[in-house]
Amino acid sequence: MEKGHRSKFDQIMVLVGLVSPIATIPQVIKVFATHRQHAAGQSLTTWSIYAAIAILWVIYGLRKREAPLVIGNALGFIMYGLVAAGILIHAGLTF
């Protein structure tokens, strides 16, 4: 792939990498705004696994020097971690 095309593709992938974290914003709001009611219905295990996977992708992206992987997954880790933290705070250890 030519360098010019790769650069444009990288820019597109950074935007694509933002979609997942942005799509998580409603979950973060629900977990913190409705507290126990919504938090109890969420899976701490699932959100923790999402966060762990995202951090592994960040590490992989750093090793490969791929900004789209690092940016999208770092934001994903933050958002997934916020949901997991909200579940812990408002519902405790749940599955």
Protein backbone atom coordinates (compact mmCIF):
# COMPACT_ATOMS: atom_id res chain seq x y z
CA MET A 1 0.00 0.00 0.00
CA GLU A 2 1.34 3.44 -0.87
CA LYS A 3 2.32 5.72 1.97
CA GLY A 4 -0.33 8.31 1.08
CA HIS A 5 -3.09 5.70 1.12
CA ARG A 6 -1.84 4.23 4.38
CA SER A 7 -1.95 7.63 6.01
CA LYS A 8 -5.55 8.20 4.92
CA PHE A 9 -6.48 4.67 6.00
CA ASP A 10 -4.86 5.27 9.40
CA GLN A 11 -6.95 8.42 9.80
CA ILE A 12 -10.11 6.51 8.96
CA MET A 13 -9.19 3.76 11.42
CA VAL A 14 -8.64 6.30 14.20
CA LEU A 15 -12.21 7.47 13.60
CA VAL A 16 -13.46 3.89 13.50
CA GLY A 17 -11.58 3.22 16.74
CA LEU A 18 -13.53 6.03 18.39
CA VAL A 19 -16.92 4.50 17.60
CA SER A 20 -16.78 1.75 20.24
CA PRO A 21 -15.78 4.02 23.14
CA ILE A 22 -18.33 6.64 22.08
CA ALA A 23 -21.01 3.95 21.83
CA THR A 24 -20.25 3.06 25.47
CA ILE A 25 -21.12 6.55 26.78
CA PRO A 26 -24.82 5.68 27.34
CA GLN A 27 -23.77 2.71 29.52
CA VAL A 28 -21.45 4.90 31.58
CA ILE A 29 -24.22 7.45 32.07
CA LYS A 30 -26.78 4.79 33.02
CA VAL A 31 -24.47 3.08 35.51
CA PHE A 32 -23.67 6.34 37.28
CA ALA A 33 -27.02 8.14 36.86
CA THR A 34 -29.40 5.32 37.77
CA HIS A 35 -26.97 3.79 40.26
CA ARG A 36 -27.98 0.42 41.65
CA GLN A 37 -30.99 -0.03 39.36
CA HIS A 38 -28.94 -0.21 36.17
CA ALA A 39 -25.60 -1.31 37.63
CA ALA A 40 -27.09 -4.49 39.06
CA GLY A 41 -28.26 -5.50 35.58
CA GLN A 42 -24.76 -5.24 34.11
CA SER A 43 -22.09 -7.94 34.08
CA LEU A 44 -18.93 -6.95 35.92
CA THR A 45 -17.18 -9.94 34.38
CA THR A 46 -18.04 -8.89 30.83
CA TRP A 47 -17.02 -5.24 31.23
CA SER A 48 -13.80 -6.25 33.02
CA ILE A 49 -12.92 -8.62 30.18
CA TYR A 50 -13.61 -5.86 27.64
CA ALA A 51 -11.26 -3.56 29.58
CA ALA A 52 -8.55 -6.25 29.79
CA ILE A 53 -8.80 -6.96 26.05
CA ALA A 54 -8.60 -3.25 25.26
CA ILE A 55 -5.43 -2.82 27.35
CA LEU A 56 -3.85 -5.79 25.56
CA TRP A 57 -4.65 -4.11 22.23
CA VAL A 58 -3.06 -0.89 23.51
CA ILE A 59 0.13 -2.79 24.37
CA TYR A 60 0.08 -4.50 20.96
CA GLY A 61 -0.49 -1.16 19.22
CA LEU A 62 2.41 0.41 21.10
CA ARG A 63 4.71 -2.47 20.17
CA LYS A 64 3.66 -2.20 16.51
CA ARG A 65 3.65 1.62 16.62
CA GLU A 66 0.09 1.73 15.32
CA ALA A 67 -1.66 4.88 16.51
CA PRO A 68 -5.18 3.74 15.52
CA LEU A 69 -4.89 0.68 17.77
CA VAL A 70 -3.48 2.69 20.66
CA ILE A 71 -5.95 5.58 20.50
CA GLY A 72 -9.14 3.60 19.99
CA ASN A 73 -8.32 0.94 22.55
CA ALA A 74 -6.98 3.37 25.17
CA LEU A 75 -10.29 5.21 25.01
CA GLY A 76 -12.11 1.88 25.06
CA PHE A 77 -10.18 0.83 28.16
CA ILE A 78 -11.19 4.06 29.91
CA MET A 79 -14.86 3.70 28.99
CA TYR A 80 -15.08 -0.03 29.78
CA GLY A 81 -13.21 0.59 33.02
CA LEU A 82 -15.70 3.32 33.95
CA VAL A 83 -18.62 0.95 33.43
CA ALA A 84 -16.87 -1.73 35.51
CA ALA A 85 -16.09 0.81 38.24
CA GLY A 86 -19.71 1.99 38.25
CA ILE A 87 -20.91 -1.58 38.65
CA LEU A 88 -18.50 -2.14 41.55
CA ILE A 89 -19.49 1.11 43.25
CA HIS A 90 -23.26 0.72 42.87
CA ALA A 91 -23.85 -3.03 42.78
CA GLY A 92 -20.71 -4.60 44.22
CA LEU A 93 -19.15 -7.80 42.98
CA THR A 94 -21.58 -9.25 40.47
CA PHE A 95 -21.25 -11.63 37.56
